[in-house]
C-alpha atoms as a PDB file:
ATOM      1  CA  MET A   1     116.933  88.048 133.478  1.00  0.00           C
ATOM      2  CA  SER A   2     119.435  85.237 132.999  1.00  0.00           C
ATOM      3  CA  LEU A   3     121.743  85.707 129.614  1.00  0.00           C
ATOM      4  CA  PRO A   4     120.798  84.080 126.658  1.00  0.00           C
ATOM      5  CA  GLN A   5     122.142  80.555 125.268  1.00  0.00           C
ATOM      6  CA  PHE A   6     122.194  81.650 121.485  1.00  0.00           C
ATOM      7  CA  VAL A   7     122.847  84.485 120.404  1.00  0.00           C
ATOM      8  CA  ARG A   8     121.978  85.693 116.491  1.00  0.00           C
ATOM      9  CA  LEU A   9     124.460  88.256 114.833  1.00  0.00           C
ATOM     10  CA  VAL A  10     123.652  90.150 111.407  1.00  0.00           C
ATOM     11  CA  GLU A  11     126.258  91.438 109.763  1.00  0.00           C
ATOM     12  CA  VAL A  12     125.704  94.853 107.867  1.00  0.00           C
ATOM     13  CA  GLY A  13     129.630  94.911 107.050  1.00  0.00           C
ATOM     14  CA  PRO A  14     128.847  94.584 103.458  1.00  0.00           C
ATOM     15  CA  ARG A  15     126.144  97.161 102.948  1.00  0.00           C
ATOM     16  CA  ASP A  16     126.045  99.559 106.417  1.00  0.00           C
ATOM     17  CA  GLY A  17     130.021  99.057 107.102  1.00  0.00           C
ATOM     18  CA  LEU A  18     130.970  99.631 103.078  1.00  0.00           C
ATOM     19  CA  GLN A  19     128.291 102.372 102.390  1.00  0.00           C
ATOM     20  CA  ASN A  20     130.361 105.262 104.533  1.00  0.00           C
ATOM     21  CA  GLU A  21     133.431 104.548 103.243  1.00  0.00           C
ATOM     22  CA  ALA A  22     134.759 107.096 100.449  1.00  0.00           C
ATOM     23  CA  GLN A  23     137.244 104.715  98.771  1.00  0.00           C
ATOM     24  CA  PRO A  24     135.268 102.529  95.923  1.00  0.00           C
ATOM     25  CA  VAL A  25     135.060  98.385  96.662  1.00  0.00           C
ATOM     26  CA  SER A  26     135.079  96.526  93.403  1.00  0.00           C
ATOM     27  CA  VAL A  27     132.215  93.778  93.154  1.00  0.00           C
ATOM     28  CA  ALA A  28     134.657  90.941  93.532  1.00  0.00           C
ATOM     29  CA  ALA A  29     135.841  92.791  96.758  1.00  0.00           C
ATOM     30  CA  LYS A  30     132.211  92.472  97.684  1.00  0.00           C
ATOM     31  CA  VAL A  31     131.844  89.265  96.568  1.00  0.00           C
ATOM     32  CA  GLN A  32     134.865  88.257  98.573  1.00  0.00           C
ATOM     33  CA  LEU A  33     133.564  89.564 101.703  1.00  0.00           C
ATOM     34  CA  VAL A  34     129.758  88.285 101.303  1.00  0.00           C
ATOM     35  CA  ASP A  35     131.618  84.621 100.829  1.00  0.00           C
ATOM     36  CA  ASP A  36     134.221  85.035 103.474  1.00  0.00           C
ATOM     37  CA  LEU A  37     131.667  85.864 105.950  1.00  0.00           C
ATOM     38  CA  SER A  38     129.473  82.905 104.673  1.00  0.00           C
ATOM     39  CA  ALA A  39     132.442  80.562 105.152  1.00  0.00           C
ATOM     40  CA  ALA A  40     133.044  82.197 109.019  1.00  0.00           C
ATOM     41  CA  GLY A  41     129.408  80.823 110.188  1.00  0.00           C
ATOM     42  CA  LEU A  42     127.105  84.295 109.654  1.00  0.00           C
ATOM     43  CA  SER A  43     123.718  82.957 109.049  1.00  0.00           C
ATOM     44  CA  TYR A  44     122.423  86.750 108.364  1.00  0.00           C
ATOM     45  CA  ILE A  45     124.219  89.090 106.053  1.00  0.00           C
ATOM     46  CA  GLU A  46     123.400  92.355 104.919  1.00  0.00           C
ATOM     47  CA  VAL A  47     125.024  91.712 101.364  1.00  0.00           C
ATOM     48  CA  GLY A  48     123.657  95.735 100.009  1.00  0.00           C
ATOM     49  CA  SER A  49     121.453  98.129  98.998  1.00  0.00           C
ATOM     50  CA  PHE A  50     119.197  98.730  96.097  1.00  0.00           C
ATOM     51  CA  VAL A  51     119.240 102.705  96.108  1.00  0.00           C
ATOM     52  CA  SER A  52     120.293 105.075  94.038  1.00  0.00           C
ATOM     53  CA  PRO A  53     123.954 105.302  93.800  1.00  0.00           C
ATOM     54  CA  LYS A  54     123.754 109.000  93.266  1.00  0.00           C
ATOM     55  CA  TRP A  55     122.634 109.098  97.317  1.00  0.00           C
ATOM     56  CA  VAL A  56     125.116 106.291  97.909  1.00  0.00           C
ATOM     57  CA  PRO A  57     127.499 105.557  95.679  1.00  0.00           C
ATOM     58  CA  GLN A  58     129.321 102.389  97.466  1.00  0.00           C
ATOM     59  CA  MET A  59     125.994 100.578  96.631  1.00  0.00           C
ATOM     60  CA  ALA A  60     126.061 100.512  93.407  1.00  0.00           C
ATOM     61  CA  GLY A  61     126.761  97.000  91.827  1.00  0.00           C
ATOM     62  CA  SER A  62     124.466  95.258  94.447  1.00  0.00           C
ATOM     63  CA  ALA A  63     122.690  93.452  92.132  1.00  0.00           C
ATOM     64  CA  GLN A  64     126.145  91.786  90.530  1.00  0.00           C
ATOM     65  CA  VAL A  65     127.299  91.062  93.981  1.00  0.00           C
ATOM     66  CA  PHE A  66     124.083  89.322  94.301  1.00  0.00           C
ATOM     67  CA  ALA A  67     124.723  87.552  91.509  1.00  0.00           C
ATOM     68  CA  GLN A  68     128.095  86.341  91.783  1.00  0.00           C
ATOM     69  CA  ILE A  69     127.820  85.394  95.852  1.00  0.00           C
ATOM     70  CA  GLN A  70     127.777  81.927  96.842  1.00  0.00           C
ATOM     71  CA  ARG A  71     125.039  81.143  98.160  1.00  0.00           C
ATOM     72  CA  LYS A  72     124.664  78.595 101.383  1.00  0.00           C
ATOM     73  CA  ASP A  73     121.267  77.254 101.953  1.00  0.00           C
ATOM     74  CA  ALA A  74     121.418  78.247 105.837  1.00  0.00           C
ATOM     75  CA  VAL A  75     122.237  81.555 104.978  1.00  0.00           C
ATOM     76  CA  THR A  76     119.954  84.685 104.970  1.00  0.00           C
ATOM     77  CA  TYR A  77     121.147  87.016 102.469  1.00  0.00           C
ATOM     78  CA  ALA A  78     119.549  90.458 102.710  1.00  0.00           C
ATOM     79  CA  ALA A  79     119.009  93.985 101.129  1.00  0.00           C
ATOM     80  CA  LEU A  80     118.090  97.114 102.379  1.00  0.00           C
ATOM     81  CA  THR A  81     115.133  98.829 100.414  1.00  0.00           C
ATOM     82  CA  PRO A  82     113.922 102.325 100.828  1.00  0.00           C
ATOM     83  CA  ASN A  83     111.675 102.767  98.389  1.00  0.00           C
ATOM     84  CA  PHE A  84     109.348 100.263  96.158  1.00  0.00           C
ATOM     85  CA  ARG A  85     111.965 100.956  93.271  1.00  0.00           C
ATOM     86  CA  GLY A  86     114.490  99.565  95.397  1.00  0.00           C
ATOM     87  CA  PHE A  87     112.177  96.405  96.489  1.00  0.00           C
ATOM     88  CA  GLU A  88     111.894  95.757  92.844  1.00  0.00           C
ATOM     89  CA  ASP A  89     114.797  95.765  91.674  1.00  0.00           C
ATOM     90  CA  ALA A  90     115.633  93.269  95.041  1.00  0.00           C
ATOM     91  CA  MET A  91     113.195  91.079  93.748  1.00  0.00           C
ATOM     92  CA  ALA A  92     114.718  90.957  90.296  1.00  0.00           C
ATOM     93  CA  SER A  93     118.173  89.654  91.791  1.00  0.00           C
ATOM     94  CA  GLY A  94     116.861  87.384  93.759  1.00  0.00           C
ATOM     95  CA  VAL A  95     117.131  88.575  96.659  1.00  0.00           C
ATOM     96  CA  THR A  96     115.518  86.113  99.797  1.00  0.00           C
ATOM     97  CA  GLU A  97     114.698  89.078 102.619  1.00  0.00           C
ATOM     98  CA  VAL A  98     114.533  92.800 102.571  1.00  0.00           C
ATOM     99  CA  ALA A  99     114.945  95.845 105.327  1.00  0.00           C
ATOM    100  CA  VAL A 100     113.035  99.685 105.314  1.00  0.00           C
ATOM    101  CA  PHE A 101     114.372 102.064 107.677  1.00  0.00           C
ATOM    102  CA  ALA A 102     112.351 104.888 109.800  1.00  0.00           C
ATOM    103  CA  ALA A 103     113.891 107.366 112.538  1.00  0.00           C
ATOM    104  CA  ALA A 104     112.927 108.426 115.651  1.00  0.00           C
ATOM    105  CA  SER A 105     113.163 112.039 115.651  1.00  0.00           C
ATOM    106  CA  GLU A 106     111.521 114.198 113.266  1.00  0.00           C
ATOM    107  CA  ALA A 107     114.599 116.124 112.346  1.00  0.00           C
ATOM    108  CA  PHE A 108     116.776 112.611 111.381  1.00  0.00           C
ATOM    109  CA  SER A 109     113.985 111.951 109.106  1.00  0.00           C
ATOM    110  CA  GLN A 110     113.364 114.884 107.530  1.00  0.00           C
ATOM    111  CA  ARG A 111     117.692 115.234 107.281  1.00  0.00           C
ATOM    112  CA  ASN A 112     117.628 111.849 105.899  1.00  0.00           C
ATOM    113  CA  ILE A 113     114.925 111.371 103.666  1.00  0.00           C
ATOM    114  CA  ASN A 114     113.481 114.331 103.567  1.00  0.00           C
ATOM    115  CA  CYS A 115     110.204 113.481 104.598  1.00  0.00           C
ATOM    116  CA  SER A 116     108.437 113.306 108.132  1.00  0.00           C
ATOM    117  CA  ILE A 117     108.172 109.754 110.328  1.00  0.00           C
ATOM    118  CA  SER A 118     104.609 109.643 109.294  1.00  0.00           C
ATOM    119  CA  GLU A 119     105.493 109.885 105.374  1.00  0.00           C
ATOM    120  CA  SER A 120     108.770 107.825 105.678  1.00  0.00           C
ATOM    121  CA  LEU A 121     105.929 104.763 107.280  1.00  0.00           C
ATOM    122  CA  GLU A 122     103.803 105.058 104.500  1.00  0.00           C
ATOM    123  CA  ARG A 123     106.306 105.095 102.206  1.00  0.00           C
ATOM    124  CA  PHE A 124     106.519 101.408 103.564  1.00  0.00           C
ATOM    125  CA  VAL A 125     103.087 100.260 102.629  1.00  0.00           C
ATOM    126  CA  PRO A 126     103.448  99.032  99.282  1.00  0.00           C
ATOM    127  CA  ILE A 127     106.353  97.458 100.138  1.00  0.00           C
ATOM    128  CA  MET A 128     105.014  95.422 102.715  1.00  0.00           C
ATOM    129  CA  GLU A 129     101.682  94.192 100.211  1.00  0.00           C
ATOM    130  CA  ALA A 130     104.386  93.139  97.965  1.00  0.00           C
ATOM    131  CA  ALA A 131     106.209  91.334 100.003  1.00  0.00           C
ATOM    132  CA  ARG A 132     103.452  89.150 101.068  1.00  0.00           C
ATOM    133  CA  LEU A 133     102.851  88.650  97.687  1.00  0.00           C
ATOM    134  CA  TYR A 134     106.343  87.555  97.066  1.00  0.00           C
ATOM    135  CA  GLY A 135     106.430  85.342 100.380  1.00  0.00           C
ATOM    136  CA  VAL A 136     109.338  87.600 101.051  1.00  0.00           C
ATOM    137  CA  ASN A 137     110.784  88.500 105.237  1.00  0.00           C
ATOM    138  CA  VAL A 138     110.888  92.000 105.744  1.00  0.00           C
ATOM    139  CA  ARG A 139     113.003  93.238 108.693  1.00  0.00           C
ATOM    140  CA  GLY A 140     112.563  96.996 110.246  1.00  0.00           C
ATOM    141  CA  TYR A 141     114.974  99.044 111.438  1.00  0.00           C
ATOM    142  CA  VAL A 142     114.338 102.215 113.632  1.00  0.00           C
ATOM    143  CA  SER A 143     117.617 104.813 113.829  1.00  0.00           C
ATOM    144  CA  CYS A 144     118.708 107.102 116.275  1.00  0.00           C
ATOM    145  CA  VAL A 145     116.585 105.501 119.553  1.00  0.00           C
ATOM    146  CA  LEU A 146     118.862 106.727 121.913  1.00  0.00           C
ATOM    147  CA  GLY A 147     119.786 109.941 120.573  1.00  0.00           C
ATOM    148  CA  CYS A 148     119.451 112.636 117.604  1.00  0.00           C
ATOM    149  CA  PRO A 149     122.792 114.474 116.082  1.00  0.00           C
ATOM    150  CA  TYR A 150     119.727 116.865 115.801  1.00  0.00           C
ATOM    151  CA  GLU A 151     117.433 117.082 118.401  1.00  0.00           C
ATOM    152  CA  GLY A 152     119.692 115.579 121.089  1.00  0.00           C
ATOM    153  CA  LYS A 153     117.922 113.001 123.253  1.00  0.00           C
ATOM    154  CA  VAL A 154     114.712 110.946 122.370  1.00  0.00           C
ATOM    155  CA  ALA A 155     112.103 109.483 124.445  1.00  0.00           C
ATOM    156  CA  PRO A 156     112.040 105.873 124.487  1.00  0.00           C
ATOM    157  CA  GLU A 157     108.392 106.545 124.192  1.00  0.00           C
ATOM    158  CA  GLN A 158     108.848 107.663 121.343  1.00  0.00           C
ATOM    159  CA  VAL A 159     110.777 104.967 119.836  1.00  0.00           C
ATOM    160  CA  ALA A 160     108.249 102.273 120.345  1.00  0.00           C
ATOM    161  CA  SER A 161     105.396 104.065 118.698  1.00  0.00           C
ATOM    162  CA  VAL A 162     107.355 104.191 115.405  1.00  0.00           C
ATOM    163  CA  ALA A 163     108.702 100.220 116.042  1.00  0.00           C
ATOM    164  CA  ASN A 164     105.195  99.409 116.624  1.00  0.00           C
ATOM    165  CA  GLU A 165     103.924 101.451 113.615  1.00  0.00           C
ATOM    166  CA  LEU A 166     106.765  98.979 111.325  1.00  0.00           C
ATOM    167  CA  PHE A 167     106.005  95.743 113.666  1.00  0.00           C
ATOM    168  CA  ALA A 168     102.129  96.394 113.517  1.00  0.00           C
ATOM    169  CA  MET A 169     102.708  96.303 109.076  1.00  0.00           C
ATOM    170  CA  GLY A 170     104.195  93.121 109.334  1.00  0.00           C
ATOM    171  CA  CYS A 171     108.012  93.699 109.735  1.00  0.00           C
ATOM    172  CA  TYR A 172     108.925  89.980 111.545  1.00  0.00           C
ATOM    173  CA  GLU A 173     111.882  92.089 113.789  1.00  0.00           C
ATOM    174  CA  ILE A 174     112.503  95.525 114.552  1.00  0.00           C
ATOM    175  CA  SER A 175     116.404  96.681 115.182  1.00  0.00           C
ATOM    176  CA  LEU A 176     116.901  99.538 117.356  1.00  0.00           C
ATOM    177  CA  GLY A 177     119.720 101.956 116.478  1.00  0.00           C
ATOM    178  CA  ASP A 178     121.919 103.868 118.106  1.00  0.00           C
ATOM    179  CA  THR A 179     123.003 105.602 115.383  1.00  0.00           C
ATOM    180  CA  ILE A 180     125.250 108.194 117.037  1.00  0.00           C
ATOM    181  CA  GLY A 181     126.447 106.054 119.873  1.00  0.00           C
ATOM    182  CA  THR A 182     125.425 108.151 122.277  1.00  0.00           C
ATOM    183  CA  GLY A 183     123.585 105.998 124.413  1.00  0.00           C
ATOM    184  CA  THR A 184     124.478 104.361 127.590  1.00  0.00           C
ATOM    185  CA  PRO A 185     123.922 100.933 129.501  1.00  0.00           C
ATOM    186  CA  GLY A 186     121.507 102.336 131.665  1.00  0.00           C
ATOM    187  CA  ALA A 187     119.209 104.154 128.702  1.00  0.00           C
ATOM    188  CA  THR A 188     119.529 100.920 126.685  1.00  0.00           C
ATOM    189  CA  ARG A 189     117.895  98.877 129.179  1.00  0.00           C
ATOM    190  CA  GLN A 190     115.304 101.329 129.742  1.00  0.00           C
ATOM    191  CA  LEU A 191     114.503 101.757 126.016  1.00  0.00           C
ATOM    192  CA  PHE A 192     113.942  98.040 126.268  1.00  0.00           C
ATOM    193  CA  GLU A 193     112.163  97.755 128.650  1.00  0.00           C
ATOM    194  CA  THR A 194     109.885 100.422 127.017  1.00  0.00           C
ATOM    195  CA  VAL A 195     109.623  98.978 123.542  1.00  0.00           C
ATOM    196  CA  ALA A 196     109.233  95.575 125.267  1.00  0.00           C
ATOM    197  CA  GLY A 197     105.898  97.136 126.570  1.00  0.00           C
ATOM    198  CA  LYS A 198     104.672  97.073 122.880  1.00  0.00           C
ATOM    199  CA  ILE A 199     106.565  94.163 120.995  1.00  0.00           C
ATOM    200  CA  PRO A 200     107.445  91.143 122.576  1.00  0.00           C
ATOM    201  CA  ARG A 201     111.398  91.138 122.972  1.00  0.00           C
ATOM    202  CA  GLY A 202     112.082  87.744 120.881  1.00  0.00           C
ATOM    203  CA  LYS A 203     111.103  90.324 118.038  1.00  0.00           C
ATOM    204  CA  LEU A 204     113.523  93.068 119.241  1.00  0.00           C
ATOM    205  CA  ALA A 205     117.603  93.626 118.317  1.00  0.00           C
ATOM    206  CA  GLY A 206     120.116  95.798 119.069  1.00  0.00           C
ATOM    207  CA  HIS A 207     122.209  98.035 116.690  1.00  0.00           C
ATOM    208  CA  PHE A 208     125.169  99.651 118.511  1.00  0.00           C
ATOM    209  CA  HIS A 209     127.231 102.456 117.408  1.00  0.00           C
ATOM    210  CA  ASP A 210     130.720 102.214 119.179  1.00  0.00           C
ATOM    211  CA  THR A 211     131.587 106.323 119.068  1.00  0.00           C
ATOM    212  CA  TYR A 212     131.946 106.996 123.078  1.00  0.00           C
ATOM    213  CA  GLY A 213     133.006 103.196 123.764  1.00  0.00           C
ATOM    214  CA  GLN A 214     130.020 102.199 124.872  1.00  0.00           C
ATOM    215  CA  ALA A 215     128.472  99.235 122.235  1.00  0.00           C
ATOM    216  CA  LEU A 216     129.912  96.405 124.278  1.00  0.00           C
ATOM    217  CA  ALA A 217     128.369  97.276 127.976  1.00  0.00           C
ATOM    218  CA  ASN A 218     125.280  98.018 125.464  1.00  0.00           C
ATOM    219  CA  ILE A 219     124.816  94.707 124.550  1.00  0.00           C
ATOM    220  CA  TYR A 220     126.040  92.887 127.238  1.00  0.00           C
ATOM    221  CA  ALA A 221     123.121  95.563 128.955  1.00  0.00           C
ATOM    222  CA  SER A 222     120.767  94.317 126.294  1.00  0.00           C
ATOM    223  CA  LEU A 223     121.630  90.922 126.852  1.00  0.00           C
ATOM    224  CA  LEU A 224     120.358  91.118 130.505  1.00  0.00           C
ATOM    225  CA  GLU A 225     116.974  92.840 128.797  1.00  0.00           C
ATOM    226  CA  GLY A 226     116.362  89.490 127.011  1.00  0.00           C
ATOM    227  CA  ILE A 227     117.660  90.523 123.676  1.00  0.00           C
ATOM    228  CA  GLN A 228     118.912  87.657 121.669  1.00  0.00           C
ATOM    229  CA  VAL A 229     120.219  89.417 117.926  1.00  0.00           C
ATOM    230  CA  PHE A 230     122.601  92.154 117.557  1.00  0.00           C
ATOM    231  CA  ASP A 231     123.475  93.951 114.383  1.00  0.00           C
ATOM    232  CA  THR A 232     127.067  94.248 113.880  1.00  0.00           C
ATOM    233  CA  SER A 233     129.861  95.089 111.533  1.00  0.00           C
ATOM    234  CA  ILE A 234     133.229  93.014 110.106  1.00  0.00           C
ATOM    235  CA  ALA A 235     136.314  95.378 111.394  1.00  0.00           C
ATOM    236  CA  GLY A 236     133.721  97.756 112.953  1.00  0.00           C
ATOM    237  CA  LEU A 237     133.142  98.908 109.190  1.00  0.00           C
ATOM    238  CA  GLY A 238     130.931 101.954 108.511  1.00  0.00           C
ATOM    239  CA  GLY A 239     128.970 104.602 110.573  1.00  0.00           C
ATOM    240  CA  CYS A 240     125.806 106.637 109.145  1.00  0.00           C
ATOM    241  CA  PRO A 241     126.596 109.054 106.182  1.00  0.00           C
ATOM    242  CA  TYR A 242     123.792 111.446 107.645  1.00  0.00           C
ATOM    243  CA  ALA A 243     125.115 111.148 111.221  1.00  0.00           C
ATOM    244  CA  LYS A 244     128.436 113.607 112.012  1.00  0.00           C
ATOM    245  CA  GLY A 245     130.603 111.592 114.223  1.00  0.00           C
ATOM    246  CA  ALA A 246     128.637 108.407 114.155  1.00  0.00           C
ATOM    247  CA  SER A 247     131.635 106.427 113.251  1.00  0.00           C
ATOM    248  CA  GLY A 248     132.446 102.560 113.600  1.00  0.00           C
ATOM    249  CA  ASN A 249     129.324 100.190 113.966  1.00  0.00           C
ATOM    250  CA  VAL A 250     130.423  97.795 117.080  1.00  0.00           C
ATOM    251  CA  ALA A 251     133.384  94.894 115.245  1.00  0.00           C
ATOM    252  CA  THR A 252     131.697  91.967 115.023  1.00  0.00           C
ATOM    253  CA  GLU A 253     135.023  90.465 115.983  1.00  0.00           C
ATOM    254  CA  ASP A 254     134.567  92.113 119.401  1.00  0.00           C
ATOM    255  CA  VAL A 255     131.017  90.718 119.999  1.00  0.00           C
ATOM    256  CA  LEU A 256     132.266  87.207 119.183  1.00  0.00           C
ATOM    257  CA  TYR A 257     135.185  87.134 121.722  1.00  0.00           C
ATOM    258  CA  MET A 258     132.869  88.772 124.224  1.00  0.00           C
ATOM    259  CA  LEU A 259     129.703  86.304 123.656  1.00  0.00           C
ATOM    260  CA  ASN A 260     132.412  83.819 124.095  1.00  0.00           C
ATOM    261  CA  GLY A 261     133.485  85.015 127.378  1.00  0.00           C
ATOM    262  CA  LEU A 262     130.158  84.086 128.940  1.00  0.00           C
ATOM    263  CA  GLY A 263     129.260  80.932 126.787  1.00  0.00           C
ATOM    264  CA  ILE A 264     126.692  82.210 124.652  1.00  0.00           C
ATOM    265  CA  GLU A 265     126.470  79.986 121.134  1.00  0.00           C
ATOM    266  CA  THR A 266     126.830  82.035 118.203  1.00  0.00           C
ATOM    267  CA  GLY A 267     127.861  79.032 115.341  1.00  0.00           C
ATOM    268  CA  ILE A 268     130.093  81.356 113.894  1.00  0.00           C
ATOM    269  CA  ASP A 269     133.997  80.183 114.011  1.00  0.00           C
ATOM    270  CA  MET A 270     136.650  83.233 115.388  1.00  0.00           C
ATOM    271  CA  ASP A 271     139.791  82.523 113.056  1.00  0.00           C
ATOM    272  CA  LEU A 272     137.703  82.495 109.692  1.00  0.00           C
ATOM    273  CA  LEU A 273     135.824  85.797 110.989  1.00  0.00           C
ATOM    274  CA  ILE A 274     139.114  87.847 111.580  1.00  0.00           C
ATOM    275  CA  ALA A 275     140.467  86.213 108.472  1.00  0.00           C
ATOM    276  CA  ALA A 276     137.637  87.552 106.243  1.00  0.00           C
ATOM    277  CA  GLY A 277     138.160  91.350 108.669  1.00  0.00           C
ATOM    278  CA  GLN A 278     141.414  91.338 107.891  1.00  0.00           C
ATOM    279  CA  ARG A 279     141.281  90.738 104.211  1.00  0.00           C
ATOM    280  CA  VAL A 280     138.315  93.708 104.012  1.00  0.00           C
ATOM    281  CA  CYS A 281     140.996  95.908 105.634  1.00  0.00           C
ATOM    282  CA  GLU A 282     143.668  94.997 103.109  1.00  0.00           C
ATOM    283  CA  VAL A 283     141.110  96.045 100.326  1.00  0.00           C
ATOM    284  CA  LEU A 284     140.591  99.799 102.184  1.00  0.00           C
ATOM    285  CA  GLY A 285     143.984  99.971 102.791  1.00  0.00           C
ATOM    286  CA  ARG A 286     143.983  99.187 106.178  1.00  0.00           C
ATOM    287  CA  HIS A 287     146.118  97.492 109.112  1.00  0.00           C
ATOM    288  CA  THR A 288     143.051  96.053 110.776  1.00  0.00           C
ATOM    289  CA  GLY A 289     139.882  97.368 112.162  1.00  0.00           C
ATOM    290  CA  SER A 290     138.262  95.317 115.581  1.00  0.00           C
ATOM    291  CA  ARG A 291     140.278  95.247 119.083  1.00  0.00           C
ATOM    292  CA  VAL A 292     139.991  91.236 118.766  1.00  0.00           C
ATOM    293  CA  ALA A 293     142.306  91.669 115.283  1.00  0.00           C
ATOM    294  CA  ARG A 294     145.316  94.081 117.041  1.00  0.00           C
ATOM    295  CA  ALA A 295     145.542  91.914 119.977  1.00  0.00           C
ATOM    296  CA  ARG A 296     145.838  88.900 117.610  1.00  0.00           C
ATOM    297  CA  LEU A 297     148.329  90.332 115.376  1.00  0.00           C
ATOM    298  CA  ALA A 298     150.595  92.145 118.417  1.00  0.00           C
ATOM    299  CA  ARG A 299     151.187  88.710 119.952  1.00  0.00           C
END
């Protein structure tokens, strides 16, 4: 299969990236990050999550962030809404797209949200019904698609089953997440080939962590499978707070560098993107986050 001409990057840094940070980040800094990402040309930004601060303290203030960002018409500003209360809060904050998540692993589902996979999916039914009334799109995430910290390997058929449940509910796009970053290119291709037996490839996205240094290779393998949407995080921020060792979402800058080298369009300005990454790293007290930024600074 030939490589696509255009790829859409879904920027998850402000939510998935920051949620795992121990150091508090102010609302003003979050707003600045989102505005920097918009200016760089990201067309989809996951701004925050409407979840109890008791469980994810870093996501406190998501409503204020949505109220203060400088919105651009061509940009989707989305939020994660794990339950109906979160969905209601998101609607009150003017969110125009939401995301829900389920796990492909029973053990991870129990450890993460204290319920089975089927029970977690049932919780999304009222969200999907309300979203249709509001005219709001819902994106679906499936975690642990290439490995689970508790169960080990996860069968592609199990991933396909959970993904298909979300798709049948009305999620317009399903993002398959390698939560602990253990996937390899061969397993990635097999995964997408299996899931594509139930869901069109144009409705699938990839979400890779770089724990074992395989994220870029897995994204390239996904491109060969006809996948054109990938979740990335500015400066490689984040990981899953419920999965030990799952540090490092793949850096948006590094993915953009690879796509640029392949001649694939994204609409994103590399210089502005690196500047956005450097600014948030300064807020977090870090030197830099992405390989591309480190290489630029070393010149």
